[in-house]
Amino acid sequence: MASLYASQQVPIPFSKKTRVVRQATADGAEKKTSTRVTLKPGIDWHRRNFLAEVLIPSLFTKRSGERAVPRFPKIRPGEFCITWIGHASFLIQTHDRNILVDPNWAKWLKVIKRLKQPGIELHHLPDIDLVLVTHAHFDHLDRRTLRRIASDQPIVVPVGVGTLVHDLGFNIVHELDYWQTVPLDALKISLTPCHHWGARFLADLHRGFGGFIIEANGRSIFHCGDSAYFPGFKEIGERHEIEIALLPIGAYDPPSGREVHMNPEEAVQAFLELRAKKLVPMHYGTFRLGYEPLDEPLTRLLARAREAGIHDDVLVMTEGQPVVL
């Protein structure tokens, strides 16, 4: 594996055999400012009852969605094929590589019920060459799913997340800090900042979080991970030429009242500042993590996109249906 690296690696010892490799600090990573959202609840968060208004009604809501055997098209060099699994989970394919981002086939996030079936069955996936996980939250890092996917391939995570995945069956864990890049064969994977937080549990604040730039054959996809709106989107667009931006649009009215996710209007603003060419909405319609109805985020996004004159630049995906771009 040594030939895959362009910079010095610092191995991090664990009790299991899988190596966790952290990139040497470079390219501005040492100068980063904190983008972590504080855990202080918003004003008047206690005036509403998430248990009564959202969680309990969700228990009696039947899961929607159908899972058919996917028909993956032939992908030519220079093309991307994107399949939305649901929530923030995507299968991204080039002509010779299959990449999973934030794979999650869980039916429950502890007490939160999945309300939309994954777009395809996990066993219908092609062989996976690389896995990316944006942060440690349960809706993005599902250990049971990762264990089923792991087959001695690499996984890339933010700094501090390696301890959660090193024992699942991956041959190497790459930990990245902001703006760091790891080359893997014909792919380049870079971690970008976001305005969120990465704790698996309340006091678990040492774990990093971010989004990923995937570059292959002169083209690029940006998976934002989770983020509230912040000025950093402009810098991401300045540092990277982004073609396709996968941006979250849901969970913007959370039970804590904190600003931890973008609303649809902010997602349009982030898209414009990224200077991307195609907006693919995600992080809506699967788990009800906020007070807003499941179908509200997409309605608001399309309305704002029409106002901003970018309606034709929005690609609304259906779970389980591959799209070649």
Protein backbone atom coordinates (compact mmCIF):
# COMPACT_ATOMS: atom_id res chain seq x y z
CA MET A 1 0.00 0.00 0.00
CA ALA A 2 2.98 2.36 0.39
CA SER A 3 2.89 3.34 -3.26
CA LEU A 4 -0.55 4.91 -2.81
CA TYR A 5 0.73 7.69 -0.59
CA ALA A 6 2.13 11.03 -1.67
CA SER A 7 2.94 12.33 1.81
CA GLN A 8 4.31 11.07 5.11
CA GLN A 9 2.05 8.76 7.11
CA VAL A 10 1.83 8.47 10.88
CA PRO A 11 0.50 5.04 11.91
CA ILE A 12 -1.81 5.01 14.94
CA PRO A 13 -1.59 1.79 16.98
CA PHE A 14 -4.68 -0.22 17.88
CA SER A 15 -5.21 -3.66 19.33
CA LYS A 16 -6.67 -4.96 16.04
CA LYS A 17 -4.63 -5.69 12.94
CA THR A 18 -6.07 -2.92 10.76
CA ARG A 19 -3.76 0.06 10.39
CA VAL A 20 -5.11 3.56 10.92
CA VAL A 21 -3.09 6.09 8.95
CA ARG A 22 -3.20 9.82 9.61
CA GLN A 23 -1.90 12.25 7.01
CA ALA A 24 0.93 14.58 8.00
CA THR A 25 -0.30 18.11 8.71
CA ALA A 26 -0.05 20.18 5.54
CA ASP A 27 -1.84 22.55 3.18
CA GLY A 28 -3.37 24.79 5.81
CA ALA A 29 -4.72 22.07 8.09
CA GLU A 30 -2.73 23.47 10.99
CA LYS A 31 -4.42 26.85 10.55
CA LYS A 32 -8.00 25.68 10.60
CA THR A 33 -10.51 27.44 12.80
CA SER A 34 -13.19 25.57 14.69
CA THR A 35 -16.42 24.88 12.82
CA ARG A 36 -17.96 22.83 15.62
CA VAL A 37 -21.51 23.66 16.64
CA THR A 38 -21.89 24.05 20.40
CA LEU A 39 -24.14 21.69 22.32
CA LYS A 40 -26.12 24.53 23.94
CA PRO A 41 -29.81 24.17 23.01
CA GLY A 42 -31.60 26.97 21.18
CA ILE A 43 -33.99 29.39 22.84
CA ASP A 44 -37.44 27.94 23.58
CA TRP A 45 -36.40 24.42 22.52
CA HIS A 46 -38.32 23.01 25.48
CA ARG A 47 -41.66 24.53 24.45
CA ARG A 48 -42.26 21.73 21.95
CA ASN A 49 -42.44 18.00 22.59
CA PHE A 50 -40.44 15.97 20.04
CA LEU A 51 -41.50 12.71 21.65
CA ALA A 52 -45.21 13.42 21.31
CA GLU A 53 -45.13 15.35 18.03
CA VAL A 54 -42.63 13.30 16.05
CA LEU A 55 -41.25 10.11 17.62
CA ILE A 56 -44.48 8.45 18.75
CA PRO A 57 -46.40 9.22 15.52
CA SER A 58 -43.45 7.85 13.54
CA LEU A 59 -43.78 4.49 15.31
CA PHE A 60 -47.21 4.06 13.70
CA THR A 61 -46.11 5.22 10.25
CA LYS A 62 -45.58 2.42 7.73
CA ARG A 63 -42.24 2.45 5.95
CA SER A 64 -42.60 3.55 2.36
CA GLY A 65 -40.48 2.76 -0.68
CA GLU A 66 -39.76 -0.30 -2.77
CA ARG A 67 -36.50 -2.12 -3.35
CA ALA A 68 -36.04 -3.58 -6.80
CA VAL A 69 -32.99 -5.32 -8.20
CA PRO A 70 -30.92 -2.39 -9.53
CA ARG A 71 -29.92 -2.22 -13.17
CA PHE A 72 -26.50 -0.65 -13.09
CA PRO A 73 -25.60 0.79 -16.50
CA LYS A 74 -22.29 0.37 -18.26
CA ILE A 75 -20.07 3.27 -17.25
CA ARG A 76 -17.56 4.67 -19.71
CA PRO A 77 -14.26 6.31 -18.71
CA GLY A 78 -14.92 9.88 -17.62
CA GLU A 79 -18.47 9.17 -16.41
CA PHE A 80 -19.93 9.03 -12.90
CA CYS A 81 -22.88 6.84 -11.99
CA ILE A 82 -24.66 7.96 -8.81
CA THR A 83 -27.21 5.87 -6.93
CA TRP A 84 -28.96 7.37 -3.93
CA ILE A 85 -29.54 4.70 -1.28
CA GLY A 86 -31.45 7.08 0.98
CA HIS A 87 -30.68 9.78 3.57
CA ALA A 88 -26.95 10.58 3.07
CA SER A 89 -25.99 7.16 1.63
CA PHE A 90 -24.73 7.05 -1.96
CA LEU A 91 -23.10 4.57 -4.28
CA ILE A 92 -20.76 6.48 -6.59
CA GLN A 93 -19.25 4.56 -9.50
CA THR A 94 -16.60 5.29 -12.08
CA HIS A 95 -15.80 2.92 -14.93
CA ASP A 96 -13.48 0.93 -12.65
CA ARG A 97 -14.27 1.86 -9.02
CA ASN A 98 -17.28 1.52 -6.70
CA ILE A 99 -17.43 3.93 -3.74
CA LEU A 100 -19.92 4.00 -0.87
CA VAL A 101 -20.44 7.19 1.12
CA ASP A 102 -22.09 7.11 4.58
CA PRO A 103 -23.69 3.69 3.99
CA ASN A 104 -26.62 3.05 6.30
CA TRP A 105 -29.12 0.22 5.92
CA ALA A 106 -30.35 0.47 9.54
CA LYS A 107 -34.08 0.23 10.23
CA TRP A 108 -33.71 2.22 13.45
CA LEU A 109 -31.44 4.95 14.83
CA LYS A 110 -31.89 3.79 18.41
CA VAL A 111 -35.49 5.03 18.93
CA ILE A 112 -35.89 6.87 15.58
CA LYS A 113 -37.62 4.74 12.96
CA ARG A 114 -36.53 4.63 9.33
CA LEU A 115 -39.56 5.76 7.35
CA LYS A 116 -38.25 5.09 3.82
CA GLN A 117 -36.74 1.79 2.76
CA PRO A 118 -33.19 1.81 1.36
CA GLY A 119 -33.29 2.11 -2.42
CA ILE A 120 -31.61 -1.26 -2.96
CA GLU A 121 -30.89 -4.31 -0.90
CA LEU A 122 -27.42 -4.36 0.58
CA HIS A 123 -26.61 -7.70 -1.06
CA HIS A 124 -27.39 -6.24 -4.50
CA LEU A 125 -24.43 -3.87 -4.27
CA PRO A 126 -21.49 -4.42 -6.60
CA ASP A 127 -18.09 -5.13 -5.06
CA ILE A 128 -17.12 -2.03 -3.09
CA ASP A 129 -13.58 -0.69 -3.57
CA LEU A 130 -13.68 2.23 -1.11
CA VAL A 131 -15.87 3.49 1.75
CA LEU A 132 -16.11 7.08 2.98
CA VAL A 133 -17.72 8.14 6.27
CA THR A 134 -18.21 11.87 6.93
CA HIS A 135 -18.65 11.74 10.72
CA ALA A 136 -19.62 9.54 13.64
CA HIS A 137 -23.33 10.31 14.05
CA PHE A 138 -25.52 7.23 14.03
CA ASP A 139 -27.36 8.20 10.83
CA HIS A 140 -24.02 8.40 8.96
CA LEU A 141 -21.84 5.79 10.66
CA ASP A 142 -23.72 2.55 11.16
CA ARG A 143 -21.29 -0.10 12.41
CA ARG A 144 -23.55 -3.02 11.51
CA THR A 145 -23.80 -1.86 7.90
CA LEU A 146 -20.07 -1.17 7.69
CA ARG A 147 -19.24 -4.61 9.06
CA ARG A 148 -21.33 -6.23 6.30
CA ILE A 149 -19.69 -4.09 3.61
CA ALA A 150 -16.10 -4.45 4.80
CA SER A 151 -14.08 -6.88 2.68
CA ASP A 152 -10.47 -5.83 3.19
CA GLN A 153 -10.81 -2.54 1.28
CA PRO A 154 -9.78 0.97 2.49
CA ILE A 155 -12.04 3.33 4.41
CA VAL A 156 -11.54 7.11 4.77
CA VAL A 157 -12.82 9.02 7.81
CA PRO A 158 -12.14 12.32 9.59
CA VAL A 159 -9.51 12.49 12.34
CA GLY A 160 -10.64 10.71 15.50
CA VAL A 161 -13.20 8.43 13.82
CA GLY A 162 -10.77 5.58 13.11
CA THR A 163 -11.36 3.99 16.52
CA LEU A 164 -14.99 3.35 15.53
CA VAL A 165 -14.25 1.46 12.31
CA HIS A 166 -10.80 -0.12 12.61
CA ASP A 167 -12.16 -3.45 13.88
CA LEU A 168 -14.83 -4.00 11.23
CA GLY A 169 -12.81 -5.69 8.47
CA PHE A 170 -11.23 -2.87 6.44
CA ASN A 171 -7.61 -3.35 5.43
CA ILE A 172 -6.60 0.23 6.26
CA VAL A 173 -8.24 3.30 7.78
CA HIS A 174 -7.22 6.71 6.47
CA GLU A 175 -7.88 9.60 8.86
CA LEU A 176 -7.97 13.05 7.24
CA ASP A 177 -8.02 16.55 8.65
CA TYR A 178 -9.47 19.54 6.78
CA TRP A 179 -7.99 20.11 3.31
CA GLN A 180 -5.95 16.93 3.42
CA THR A 181 -6.00 14.55 0.46
CA VAL A 182 -5.24 10.86 0.08
CA PRO A 183 -4.63 9.40 -3.40
CA LEU A 184 -6.05 5.92 -3.87
CA ASP A 185 -5.23 4.48 -7.29
CA ALA A 186 -7.00 6.75 -9.80
CA LEU A 187 -9.03 8.51 -7.10
CA LYS A 188 -8.25 11.54 -4.95
CA ILE A 189 -10.23 11.94 -1.72
CA SER A 190 -10.11 15.24 0.18
CA LEU A 191 -11.79 16.27 3.44
CA THR A 192 -13.47 19.68 3.59
CA PRO A 193 -14.78 21.68 6.56
CA CYS A 194 -18.42 21.91 7.53
CA HIS A 195 -20.37 23.54 10.37
CA HIS A 196 -21.54 20.63 12.49
CA TRP A 197 -20.14 18.40 15.23
CA GLY A 198 -18.82 14.86 15.30
CA ALA A 199 -19.50 13.41 18.75
CA ARG A 200 -20.85 9.86 18.86
CA PHE A 201 -21.97 10.62 22.41
CA LEU A 202 -22.33 13.93 24.26
CA ALA A 203 -18.83 14.00 25.77
CA ASP A 204 -17.21 12.48 22.67
CA LEU A 205 -15.96 15.77 21.25
CA HIS A 206 -12.55 14.71 19.94
CA ARG A 207 -13.92 13.22 16.73
CA GLY A 208 -13.66 15.15 13.48
CA PHE A 209 -16.35 15.79 10.87
CA GLY A 210 -16.52 17.13 7.35
CA GLY A 211 -17.40 16.57 3.71
CA PHE A 212 -15.55 14.77 0.93
CA ILE A 213 -14.36 15.80 -2.51
CA ILE A 214 -14.09 12.76 -4.80
CA GLU A 215 -11.96 13.38 -7.88
CA ALA A 216 -11.59 10.93 -10.75
CA ASN A 217 -10.79 11.29 -14.45
CA GLY A 218 -10.70 15.08 -14.21
CA ARG A 219 -14.18 15.30 -12.67
CA SER A 220 -15.38 15.84 -9.10
CA ILE A 221 -18.25 15.15 -6.71
CA PHE A 222 -18.70 16.93 -3.37
CA HIS A 223 -20.54 15.08 -0.60
CA CYS A 224 -21.20 17.70 2.06
CA GLY A 225 -21.87 15.34 4.95
CA ASP A 226 -23.92 17.24 7.54
CA SER A 227 -23.63 20.98 7.87
CA ALA A 228 -25.40 24.11 8.89
CA TYR A 229 -24.84 26.98 6.49
CA PHE A 230 -21.50 28.73 7.04
CA PRO A 231 -19.15 31.00 5.04
CA GLY A 232 -16.77 28.11 4.42
CA PHE A 233 -18.68 26.96 1.34
CA LYS A 234 -17.14 29.81 -0.62
CA GLU A 235 -13.63 28.69 0.34
CA ILE A 236 -14.41 25.09 -0.62
CA GLY A 237 -15.49 26.33 -4.04
CA GLU A 238 -12.32 28.37 -4.37
CA ARG A 239 -10.04 25.47 -3.44
CA HIS A 240 -11.82 22.81 -5.50
CA GLU A 241 -13.55 22.91 -8.85
CA ILE A 242 -16.78 21.10 -7.99
CA GLU A 243 -19.05 19.67 -10.65
CA ILE A 244 -21.71 17.78 -8.66
CA ALA A 245 -22.68 18.84 -5.13
CA LEU A 246 -24.61 16.45 -2.86
CA LEU A 247 -26.12 18.81 -0.30
CA PRO A 248 -28.30 18.14 2.78
CA ILE A 249 -31.67 19.89 2.90
CA GLY A 250 -33.49 18.28 5.86
CA ALA A 251 -33.53 18.16 9.68
CA TYR A 252 -33.35 21.96 9.85
CA ASP A 253 -35.93 22.18 12.65
CA PRO A 254 -34.28 19.88 15.23
CA PRO A 255 -35.62 19.14 18.71
CA SER A 256 -32.66 20.94 20.30
CA GLY A 257 -33.36 24.18 18.43
CA ARG A 258 -29.69 24.36 17.42
CA GLU A 259 -28.61 25.40 13.94
CA VAL A 260 -26.93 22.15 12.91
CA HIS A 261 -28.35 21.55 9.40
CA MET A 262 -29.01 23.77 6.41
CA ASN A 263 -32.55 24.55 5.40
CA PRO A 264 -33.38 24.27 1.66
CA GLU A 265 -32.91 27.96 0.99
CA GLU A 266 -29.47 27.86 2.60
CA ALA A 267 -28.59 24.80 0.52
CA VAL A 268 -29.25 26.84 -2.64
CA GLN A 269 -27.02 29.60 -1.28
CA ALA A 270 -24.28 27.07 -0.49
CA PHE A 271 -24.59 25.65 -4.02
CA LEU A 272 -24.12 29.08 -5.55
CA GLU A 273 -21.09 29.78 -3.36
CA LEU A 274 -19.56 26.41 -4.22
CA ARG A 275 -19.90 27.34 -7.92
CA ALA A 276 -20.96 23.78 -8.66
CA LYS A 277 -22.83 22.78 -11.81
CA LYS A 278 -25.35 20.26 -10.44
CA LEU A 279 -27.16 20.14 -7.07
CA VAL A 280 -28.32 16.77 -5.75
CA PRO A 281 -30.42 17.11 -2.57
CA MET A 282 -30.02 14.53 0.20
CA HIS A 283 -30.58 14.03 3.94
CA TYR A 284 -34.37 14.20 3.74
CA GLY A 285 -37.31 11.82 3.51
CA THR A 286 -35.75 8.84 5.32
CA PHE A 287 -35.46 9.55 9.04
CA ARG A 288 -37.58 12.25 10.66
CA LEU A 289 -34.88 14.04 12.66
CA GLY A 290 -36.65 17.38 12.96
CA TYR A 291 -40.14 18.80 13.34
CA GLU A 292 -40.56 19.57 9.63
CA PRO A 293 -42.70 17.13 7.59
CA LEU A 294 -40.77 14.64 5.46
CA ASP A 295 -41.89 16.16 2.15
CA GLU A 296 -41.35 19.82 3.08
CA PRO A 297 -37.59 20.11 2.38
CA LEU A 298 -37.84 19.16 -1.31
CA THR A 299 -40.84 21.44 -1.91
CA ARG A 300 -38.98 24.39 -0.40
CA LEU A 301 -35.79 23.57 -2.30
CA LEU A 302 -37.48 23.48 -5.69
CA ALA A 303 -39.34 26.72 -4.99
CA ARG A 304 -36.12 28.52 -4.03
CA ALA A 305 -34.26 27.02 -7.00
CA ARG A 306 -36.87 28.44 -9.37
CA GLU A 307 -36.54 31.86 -7.74
CA ALA A 308 -32.73 31.70 -8.07
CA GLY A 309 -32.88 30.59 -11.70
CA ILE A 310 -31.14 27.26 -11.07
CA HIS A 311 -34.12 24.91 -11.32
CA ASP A 312 -32.55 23.07 -14.27
CA ASP A 313 -29.38 22.53 -12.22
CA VAL A 314 -31.20 20.53 -9.52
CA LEU A 315 -31.22 16.75 -9.91
CA VAL A 316 -33.84 15.14 -7.66
CA MET A 317 -32.93 11.49 -7.34
CA THR A 318 -35.14 8.50 -6.56
CA GLU A 319 -33.72 5.96 -4.16
CA GLY A 320 -32.28 2.95 -5.94
CA GLN A 321 -32.29 4.40 -9.46
CA PRO A 322 -28.76 4.90 -10.89
CA VAL A 323 -28.08 8.08 -12.85
CA VAL A 324 -25.12 8.47 -15.20
CA LEU A 325 -23.60 11.95 -15.41
